[in-house]
């Protein structure tokens, strides 16, 4: 009977552990990106009173006689299924749709989390709101916006969004022109021409006004173009446009290139600008040519940012310029269930989780990033309440075993009276 008593006590302890896990799941039902756990049991070693016997010519075989000695905790498993997403409308709140973990650093080591509640600190760094640990990723080149994702991500690979503290400028490298040159003017008295002005920017954000002049040539369907600068700007380059007389579309002469040389006092060297005149036609209608676009920007400061599904953080400047600031890194593991909780919604890798495989979102099986959303807990309250009842009944049943064995032992002691 002592074996039954000890088996009951072992089961009571196991049910208590199970109740602890259920209580923790319910306590974290509203914890951001919390992943629920469950307890699995295994039977304890069995005592063998008689081993199994093999059949003989006269008798059949006999089975072993065994009884168990109780129950043990086999393990606690983590449910890493996706939680539902809730909109927060905060640009620094991120959620992962699919596999992967955000990577955060305290300067010495990297932790992993599904909790995307981030914020900007006084330095403009993206930090985990609960712990202050910095989000890691790849920073873009401030001048070009290029992101080198081949670089390793370490504890110092922080992502910075310096709102109001960073300025950006973009030198004009191309101008696109559109419009029409009147085909009816050929053969008329005098030389016909048209002009248009466009503002461009140098590498320091200095403004320069350029005037494009198109003049009819002595040859039908041909126009000569020149570009002139103002305020001491020197412009070299020009060319000839040749149009198809059957449809008025440009045959040759685009794109062309000029060189703009600002005054010496500006401190800016000369730089080339490509002229795309492919959208200029020659039809029998009024004449008008204008610059439809140019790719330069005056100096502007960073005012806001957005995050795409592939984790690229794009800065929005007051001058209308958009430029990548960095890209979020995600980690996946050969066995995500092998990660170990360290509190504050963080995990650390273990020998059984495998080494983190770091890459960009939406690549290599990693999920996508949703800005303005947070992942909710994946706890199923109905299932937890059911487990609560089952655990309670299991606990009650095993307390009955203990009390029954106690009564039987009491009766056994009373036999001597």
Protein backbone atom coordinates (compact mmCIF):
# COMPACT_ATOMS: atom_id res chain seq x y z
CA UNK A 1 0.00 0.00 0.00
CA UNK A 2 2.91 2.33 0.54
CA UNK A 3 3.48 2.27 -3.23
CA UNK A 4 -0.10 3.51 -3.76
CA UNK A 5 0.45 6.24 -1.18
CA UNK A 6 3.67 7.39 -2.82
CA UNK A 7 2.07 7.22 -6.29
CA UNK A 8 -0.74 9.45 -5.09
CA UNK A 9 1.69 11.94 -3.58
CA UNK A 10 3.72 12.00 -6.83
CA UNK A 11 0.56 12.66 -8.82
CA UNK A 12 -0.49 15.45 -6.45
CA UNK A 13 2.88 17.14 -7.02
CA UNK A 14 2.53 16.70 -10.79
CA UNK A 15 -0.98 18.21 -10.77
CA UNK A 16 0.33 21.15 -8.76
CA UNK A 17 2.96 21.78 -11.45
CA UNK A 18 0.30 21.57 -14.13
CA UNK A 19 -1.85 24.04 -12.20
CA UNK A 20 1.14 26.43 -11.97
CA UNK A 21 1.51 26.38 -15.76
CA UNK A 22 -2.22 26.92 -16.35
CA UNK A 23 -2.27 29.78 -13.86
CA UNK A 24 0.71 31.40 -15.58
CA UNK A 25 -0.99 31.05 -18.97
CA UNK A 26 -4.15 32.73 -17.70
CA UNK A 27 -2.11 35.44 -15.96
CA UNK A 28 -0.48 36.30 -19.29
CA UNK A 29 -3.63 36.17 -21.41
CA UNK A 30 -3.14 39.87 -22.26
CA UNK A 31 0.67 39.86 -22.43
CA UNK A 32 1.96 41.04 -25.80
CA UNK A 33 3.03 38.11 -28.02
CA UNK A 34 2.98 35.67 -25.08
CA UNK A 35 3.27 32.01 -26.06
CA UNK A 36 1.36 29.54 -23.90
CA UNK A 37 2.83 26.38 -22.35
CA UNK A 38 1.48 22.96 -21.45
CA UNK A 39 2.62 20.17 -19.14
CA UNK A 40 3.03 16.58 -20.27
CA UNK A 41 3.25 13.63 -17.86
CA UNK A 42 5.08 10.30 -17.98
CA UNK A 43 4.69 7.25 -15.82
CA UNK A 44 7.40 6.44 -13.30
CA UNK A 45 9.39 3.24 -13.47
CA UNK A 46 7.28 0.12 -12.89
CA UNK A 47 8.07 -2.58 -10.30
CA UNK A 48 8.16 -6.06 -11.83
CA UNK A 49 6.91 -8.91 -9.62
CA UNK A 50 7.29 -11.55 -12.30
CA UNK A 51 8.79 -11.36 -15.73
CA UNK A 52 7.15 -12.55 -18.93
CA UNK A 53 7.44 -16.24 -19.83
CA UNK A 54 7.75 -17.67 -23.29
CA UNK A 55 5.42 -20.40 -24.61
CA UNK A 56 6.54 -24.05 -24.35
CA UNK A 57 5.40 -27.25 -26.00
CA UNK A 58 2.89 -27.85 -23.20
CA UNK A 59 2.02 -24.40 -21.85
CA UNK A 60 1.37 -21.00 -23.27
CA UNK A 61 3.35 -17.88 -22.47
CA UNK A 62 2.67 -15.66 -19.47
CA UNK A 63 2.73 -11.89 -19.28
CA UNK A 64 4.80 -9.92 -16.84
CA UNK A 65 3.25 -8.80 -13.57
CA UNK A 66 4.01 -5.11 -12.95
CA UNK A 67 2.59 -2.11 -11.17
CA UNK A 68 3.59 1.50 -11.51
CA UNK A 69 5.16 3.67 -8.87
CA UNK A 70 3.65 7.01 -9.82
CA UNK A 71 3.93 9.83 -12.34
CA UNK A 72 6.60 12.33 -13.36
CA UNK A 73 6.64 15.61 -15.30
CA UNK A 74 7.80 14.77 -18.82
CA UNK A 75 8.23 18.37 -19.87
CA UNK A 76 6.68 21.75 -20.51
CA UNK A 77 6.06 22.47 -24.18
CA UNK A 78 5.70 25.95 -25.69
CA UNK A 79 2.97 26.69 -28.22
CA UNK A 80 4.64 28.93 -30.81
CA UNK A 81 1.54 29.35 -32.98
CA UNK A 82 0.81 32.82 -34.34
CA UNK A 83 -1.25 35.12 -32.13
CA UNK A 84 -3.84 37.50 -33.54
CA UNK A 85 -2.78 41.03 -34.52
CA UNK A 86 -4.26 44.15 -32.95
CA UNK A 87 -4.00 47.60 -34.56
CA UNK A 88 -2.34 50.28 -32.43
CA UNK A 89 -1.64 52.97 -35.08
CA UNK A 90 1.78 53.59 -33.49
CA UNK A 91 4.53 53.53 -36.15
CA UNK A 92 7.02 52.06 -33.65
CA UNK A 93 4.79 49.06 -32.87
CA UNK A 94 5.78 46.06 -34.98
CA UNK A 95 4.35 42.58 -35.34
CA UNK A 96 5.69 39.55 -37.17
CA UNK A 97 3.28 37.72 -39.46
CA UNK A 98 4.93 34.32 -39.70
CA UNK A 99 8.17 32.90 -38.34
CA UNK A 100 10.95 34.81 -36.68
CA UNK A 101 11.99 36.83 -33.65
CA UNK A 102 13.04 40.44 -33.23
CA UNK A 103 16.62 40.83 -32.02
CA UNK A 104 17.38 43.21 -29.14
CA UNK A 105 20.67 44.00 -27.44
CA UNK A 106 21.75 45.28 -24.04
CA UNK A 107 25.27 45.91 -25.36
CA UNK A 108 26.67 42.53 -24.29
CA UNK A 109 24.35 39.92 -25.71
CA UNK A 110 21.44 39.58 -28.10
CA UNK A 111 18.00 38.54 -26.89
CA UNK A 112 15.02 37.43 -28.95
CA UNK A 113 11.39 38.46 -28.68
CA UNK A 114 8.07 38.46 -30.49
CA UNK A 115 7.03 41.55 -28.52
CA UNK A 116 7.19 44.38 -31.05
CA UNK A 117 6.32 47.21 -28.65
CA UNK A 118 9.25 49.50 -29.50
CA UNK A 119 9.77 53.22 -29.05
CA UNK A 120 12.31 55.94 -29.82
CA UNK A 121 14.62 57.10 -27.03
CA UNK A 122 16.37 60.47 -26.66
CA UNK A 123 19.11 59.37 -29.09
CA UNK A 124 16.61 58.28 -31.73
CA UNK A 125 17.37 54.57 -31.18
CA UNK A 126 14.56 52.04 -31.51
CA UNK A 127 14.33 50.40 -28.08
CA UNK A 128 12.23 47.64 -26.57
CA UNK A 129 9.67 49.49 -24.47
CA UNK A 130 9.66 46.96 -21.60
CA UNK A 131 13.43 46.65 -21.13
CA UNK A 132 15.08 49.57 -22.96
CA UNK A 133 17.17 47.13 -25.01
CA UNK A 134 17.98 48.38 -28.49
CA UNK A 135 16.58 46.79 -31.63
CA UNK A 136 19.28 45.45 -33.94
CA UNK A 137 19.46 45.54 -37.71
CA UNK A 138 21.36 47.06 -40.61
CA UNK A 139 21.84 50.84 -40.83
CA UNK A 140 21.72 52.55 -44.21
CA UNK A 141 24.48 54.74 -45.57
CA UNK A 142 23.45 58.32 -44.61
CA UNK A 143 24.51 59.76 -47.98
CA UNK A 144 23.16 57.15 -50.40
CA UNK A 145 20.57 55.20 -48.38
CA UNK A 146 22.17 51.88 -49.39
CA UNK A 147 21.72 48.97 -46.94
CA UNK A 148 24.35 46.22 -46.82
CA UNK A 149 22.55 43.19 -45.40
CA UNK A 150 25.67 41.07 -45.89
CA UNK A 151 27.21 42.65 -42.80
CA UNK A 152 26.93 40.62 -39.56
CA UNK A 153 24.43 41.76 -36.94
CA UNK A 154 25.93 42.11 -33.45
CA UNK A 155 25.10 43.69 -30.08
CA UNK A 156 26.12 47.12 -31.42
CA UNK A 157 24.08 46.95 -34.63
CA UNK A 158 21.49 49.48 -33.53
CA UNK A 159 18.77 51.10 -35.62
CA UNK A 160 18.48 54.88 -35.29
CA UNK A 161 15.67 57.15 -36.51
CA UNK A 162 16.88 60.69 -35.60
CA UNK A 163 13.65 62.65 -36.04
CA UNK A 164 14.51 66.32 -36.63
CA UNK A 165 18.23 65.72 -36.14
CA UNK A 166 19.21 64.52 -39.61
CA UNK A 167 19.17 66.56 -42.79
CA UNK A 168 19.38 65.24 -46.33
CA UNK A 169 19.94 66.75 -49.75
CA UNK A 170 20.02 65.21 -53.20
CA UNK A 171 21.94 66.58 -56.16
CA UNK A 172 20.09 66.78 -59.44
CA UNK A 173 21.35 64.18 -61.89
CA UNK A 174 18.50 64.07 -64.40
CA UNK A 175 15.71 66.23 -65.80
CA UNK A 176 12.76 64.93 -67.79
CA UNK A 177 11.09 67.22 -70.33
CA UNK A 178 7.67 66.89 -71.92
CA UNK A 179 5.58 68.90 -74.37
CA UNK A 180 5.19 69.64 -78.06
CA UNK A 181 7.04 71.53 -80.80
CA UNK A 182 4.71 72.96 -83.46
CA UNK A 183 5.36 71.25 -86.80
CA UNK A 184 3.50 74.01 -88.69
CA UNK A 185 6.19 76.65 -88.24
CA UNK A 186 8.64 75.25 -90.78
CA UNK A 187 8.76 77.45 -93.88
CA UNK A 188 7.35 80.47 -92.03
CA UNK A 189 9.26 83.73 -91.86
CA UNK A 190 11.75 84.06 -89.02
CA UNK A 191 13.29 81.44 -86.77
CA UNK A 192 10.89 80.05 -84.18
CA UNK A 193 11.94 78.96 -80.71
CA UNK A 194 10.55 78.16 -77.26
CA UNK A 195 12.07 78.21 -73.77
CA UNK A 196 11.37 76.67 -70.36
CA UNK A 197 12.99 77.13 -66.95
CA UNK A 198 13.62 74.48 -64.31
CA UNK A 199 15.19 74.68 -60.84
CA UNK A 200 17.91 72.16 -59.97
CA UNK A 201 20.06 71.52 -56.88
CA UNK A 202 23.76 70.95 -56.33
CA UNK A 203 25.38 68.61 -53.80
CA UNK A 204 25.03 71.19 -51.01
CA UNK A 205 21.39 71.90 -51.78
CA UNK A 206 22.15 75.16 -53.59
CA UNK A 207 19.48 76.21 -56.08
CA UNK A 208 20.21 76.86 -59.75
CA UNK A 209 17.77 77.92 -62.47
CA UNK A 210 18.37 76.49 -65.94
CA UNK A 211 16.71 77.67 -69.13
CA UNK A 212 16.19 75.20 -72.00
CA UNK A 213 15.82 76.81 -75.42
CA UNK A 214 14.71 74.85 -78.49
CA UNK A 215 15.22 76.53 -81.86
CA UNK A 216 14.07 75.32 -85.28
CA UNK A 217 16.83 74.18 -87.59
CA UNK A 218 17.22 74.94 -91.27
CA UNK A 219 16.49 71.25 -91.83
CA UNK A 220 12.79 70.31 -91.47
CA UNK A 221 11.88 68.16 -88.45
CA UNK A 222 15.07 69.14 -86.64
CA UNK A 223 15.43 71.35 -83.56
CA UNK A 224 18.58 72.56 -81.84
CA UNK A 225 18.55 72.86 -78.06
CA UNK A 226 20.81 74.74 -75.67
CA UNK A 227 20.77 75.16 -71.88
CA UNK A 228 21.83 78.34 -70.14
CA UNK A 229 22.34 79.14 -66.47
CA UNK A 230 21.61 82.22 -64.39
CA UNK A 231 23.49 84.03 -61.60
CA UNK A 232 26.91 83.12 -62.90
CA UNK A 233 26.22 79.43 -63.62
CA UNK A 234 28.08 78.10 -66.63
CA UNK A 235 26.39 75.38 -68.68
CA UNK A 236 28.07 73.42 -71.44
CA UNK A 237 26.37 70.95 -73.72
CA UNK A 238 23.46 70.86 -76.11
CA UNK A 239 22.38 69.00 -79.19
CA UNK A 240 19.85 68.39 -81.93
CA UNK A 241 16.46 66.68 -81.85
CA UNK A 242 15.27 64.84 -84.97
CA UNK A 243 11.58 63.92 -85.28
CA UNK A 244 9.81 61.37 -87.45
CA UNK A 245 7.76 63.33 -90.04
CA UNK A 246 5.11 60.57 -90.19
CA UNK A 247 4.11 60.51 -86.49
CA UNK A 248 5.95 63.39 -84.82
CA UNK A 249 7.85 61.15 -82.40
CA UNK A 250 11.49 61.74 -81.46
CA UNK A 251 13.99 59.71 -83.45
CA UNK A 252 17.37 60.87 -82.14
CA UNK A 253 18.70 63.33 -79.61
CA UNK A 254 17.57 61.93 -76.24
CA UNK A 255 18.84 61.46 -73.67
CA UNK A 256 21.51 64.15 -73.77
CA UNK A 257 23.89 65.45 -71.14
CA UNK A 258 25.01 68.86 -69.97
CA UNK A 259 27.52 70.00 -67.36
CA UNK A 260 26.52 72.63 -64.81
CA UNK A 261 29.39 74.58 -63.21
CA UNK A 262 28.30 76.89 -60.35
CA UNK A 263 30.29 80.03 -59.53
CA UNK A 264 33.60 79.45 -57.72
CA UNK A 265 32.28 81.24 -54.63
CA UNK A 266 29.70 78.47 -54.11
CA UNK A 267 32.44 75.92 -53.42
CA UNK A 268 30.62 73.30 -55.51
CA UNK A 269 32.41 71.66 -58.46
CA UNK A 270 30.74 71.16 -61.80
CA UNK A 271 28.40 68.17 -62.13
CA UNK A 272 26.68 66.44 -65.07
CA UNK A 273 22.92 66.41 -65.58
CA UNK A 274 21.14 64.05 -67.97
CA UNK A 275 18.35 65.55 -70.10
CA UNK A 276 15.58 63.19 -71.13
CA UNK A 277 13.62 64.72 -74.01
CA UNK A 278 11.95 61.51 -75.09
CA UNK A 279 8.49 62.80 -74.11
CA UNK A 280 8.72 65.81 -76.43
CA UNK A 281 6.76 65.45 -79.67
CA UNK A 282 6.42 67.44 -82.90
CA UNK A 283 2.76 67.73 -83.86
CA UNK A 284 0.60 70.33 -85.57
CA UNK A 285 -0.59 72.02 -82.38
CA UNK A 286 0.52 74.81 -80.10
CA UNK A 287 4.11 74.82 -78.90
CA UNK A 288 4.90 74.33 -75.23
CA UNK A 289 7.74 72.44 -73.52
CA UNK A 290 8.17 72.16 -69.74
CA UNK A 291 10.22 70.18 -67.28
CA UNK A 292 7.99 67.37 -65.95
CA UNK A 293 10.41 66.24 -63.23
CA UNK A 294 13.91 66.55 -61.83
CA UNK A 295 15.38 64.29 -59.13
CA UNK A 296 17.13 66.86 -56.94
CA UNK A 297 16.04 68.10 -53.48
CA UNK A 298 16.86 71.08 -51.32
CA UNK A 299 18.06 70.42 -47.75
CA UNK A 300 15.36 69.02 -45.46
CA UNK A 301 15.14 67.49 -41.98
CA UNK A 302 13.76 64.08 -41.03
CA UNK A 303 10.12 64.51 -40.01
CA UNK A 304 8.68 60.98 -39.88
CA UNK A 305 9.27 57.43 -41.05
CA UNK A 306 7.49 54.32 -42.27
CA UNK A 307 8.32 50.61 -42.15
CA UNK A 308 7.60 48.25 -45.04
CA UNK A 309 6.70 44.57 -44.78
CA UNK A 310 10.30 43.62 -45.55
CA UNK A 311 11.52 45.66 -42.56
CA UNK A 312 13.01 48.63 -44.43
CA UNK A 313 12.71 51.84 -42.39
CA UNK A 314 12.19 54.76 -44.78
CA UNK A 315 12.70 58.32 -43.58
CA UNK A 316 10.39 61.08 -44.79
CA UNK A 317 12.05 64.51 -44.99
CA UNK A 318 10.48 67.96 -44.98
CA UNK A 319 11.73 68.61 -48.51
CA UNK A 320 9.76 65.63 -49.88
CA UNK A 321 12.78 63.32 -50.07
CA UNK A 322 12.39 59.71 -48.95
CA UNK A 323 15.49 57.70 -48.06
CA UNK A 324 16.07 54.32 -46.36
CA UNK A 325 17.42 54.60 -42.81
CA UNK A 326 17.91 50.91 -42.05
CA UNK A 327 16.36 47.46 -42.08
CA UNK A 328 15.06 45.28 -39.25
CA UNK A 329 16.76 41.91 -38.74
CA UNK A 330 14.84 38.74 -37.85
CA UNK A 331 16.17 35.49 -36.40
CA UNK A 332 14.80 31.99 -36.91
CA UNK A 333 15.92 28.79 -35.17
CA UNK A 334 16.08 25.12 -36.15
CA UNK A 335 14.02 24.40 -33.01
CA UNK A 336 12.17 27.47 -31.73
CA UNK A 337 10.58 25.34 -28.97
CA UNK A 338 14.07 24.91 -27.52
CA UNK A 339 14.37 28.60 -26.61
CA UNK A 340 14.44 29.51 -22.93
CA UNK A 341 12.37 32.27 -21.33
CA UNK A 342 14.38 34.92 -19.47
CA UNK A 343 11.51 37.26 -18.52
CA UNK A 344 10.33 40.61 -19.91
CA UNK A 345 9.01 38.83 -23.02
CA UNK A 346 12.58 37.85 -23.98
CA UNK A 347 14.05 34.48 -24.95
CA UNK A 348 17.60 33.19 -25.19
CA UNK A 349 18.96 30.44 -27.37
CA UNK A 350 20.01 27.11 -25.88
CA UNK A 351 21.91 24.07 -27.04
CA UNK A 352 18.64 22.49 -28.20
CA UNK A 353 17.27 25.56 -30.01
CA UNK A 354 20.25 25.74 -32.34
CA UNK A 355 22.08 28.83 -33.52
CA UNK A 356 20.06 31.84 -34.67
CA UNK A 357 19.87 32.21 -38.45
CA UNK A 358 19.71 35.98 -39.07
CA UNK A 359 18.28 37.56 -42.19
CA UNK A 360 15.81 40.08 -43.58
CA UNK A 361 12.04 39.77 -43.20
CA UNK A 362 10.23 37.89 -45.98
CA UNK A 363 13.32 35.85 -46.80
CA UNK A 364 14.43 32.33 -45.92
CA UNK A 365 11.13 31.38 -44.29
CA UNK A 366 10.96 34.51 -42.12
CA UNK A 367 7.71 36.38 -41.68
CA UNK A 368 6.77 39.90 -42.72
CA UNK A 369 6.70 43.05 -40.59
CA UNK A 370 3.46 44.91 -39.89
CA UNK A 371 3.96 48.43 -38.57
CA UNK A 372 1.20 49.79 -36.33
CA UNK A 373 0.21 46.34 -35.05
CA UNK A 374 1.06 44.20 -32.02
CA UNK A 375 0.78 40.44 -31.75
CA UNK A 376 -1.54 39.26 -29.00
CA UNK A 377 -1.17 36.29 -26.66
CA UNK A 378 -2.08 32.94 -28.21
CA UNK A 379 -3.74 31.71 -25.00
CA UNK A 380 -7.12 30.01 -25.57
CA UNK A 381 -9.12 30.84 -22.42
CA UNK A 382 -11.72 28.15 -23.08
CA UNK A 383 -9.06 25.48 -23.39
CA UNK A 384 -7.26 26.71 -20.26
CA UNK A 385 -10.50 26.59 -18.23
CA UNK A 386 -11.07 23.02 -19.43
CA UNK A 387 -7.56 22.06 -18.39
CA UNK A 388 -8.22 23.77 -15.08
CA UNK A 389 -11.18 21.49 -14.40
CA UNK A 390 -9.32 18.35 -15.52
CA UNK A 391 -6.35 19.24 -13.31
CA UNK A 392 -8.59 19.91 -10.34
CA UNK A 393 -10.31 16.55 -10.75
CA UNK A 394 -6.98 14.78 -11.08
CA UNK A 395 -5.75 16.46 -7.90
CA UNK A 396 -8.95 15.51 -6.04
CA UNK A 397 -8.76 11.91 -7.23
CA UNK A 398 -5.21 11.49 -5.97
CA UNK A 399 -5.97 13.08 -2.61
CA UNK A 400 -8.66 10.40 -2.29
CA UNK A 401 -5.97 7.78 -2.95
CA UNK A 402 -3.85 9.20 -0.15
CA UNK A 403 -6.73 9.38 2.35
CA UNK A 404 -7.94 5.89 1.41
CA UNK A 405 -4.49 4.37 1.88
CA UNK A 406 -4.21 6.21 5.19
CA UNK A 407 -7.51 4.68 6.34
CA UNK A 408 -6.40 1.21 5.23
CA UNK A 409 -3.14 1.57 7.13
CA UNK A 410 -5.08 2.69 10.17
CA UNK A 411 -7.28 -0.39 9.91
CA UNK A 412 -4.18 -2.55 9.59
CA UNK A 413 -2.71 -1.07 12.75
CA UNK A 414 -6.00 -1.57 14.57
CA UNK A 415 -5.91 -5.33 13.89
CA UNK A 416 -3.71 -5.82 16.93
CA UNK A 417 -6.31 -4.37 19.28
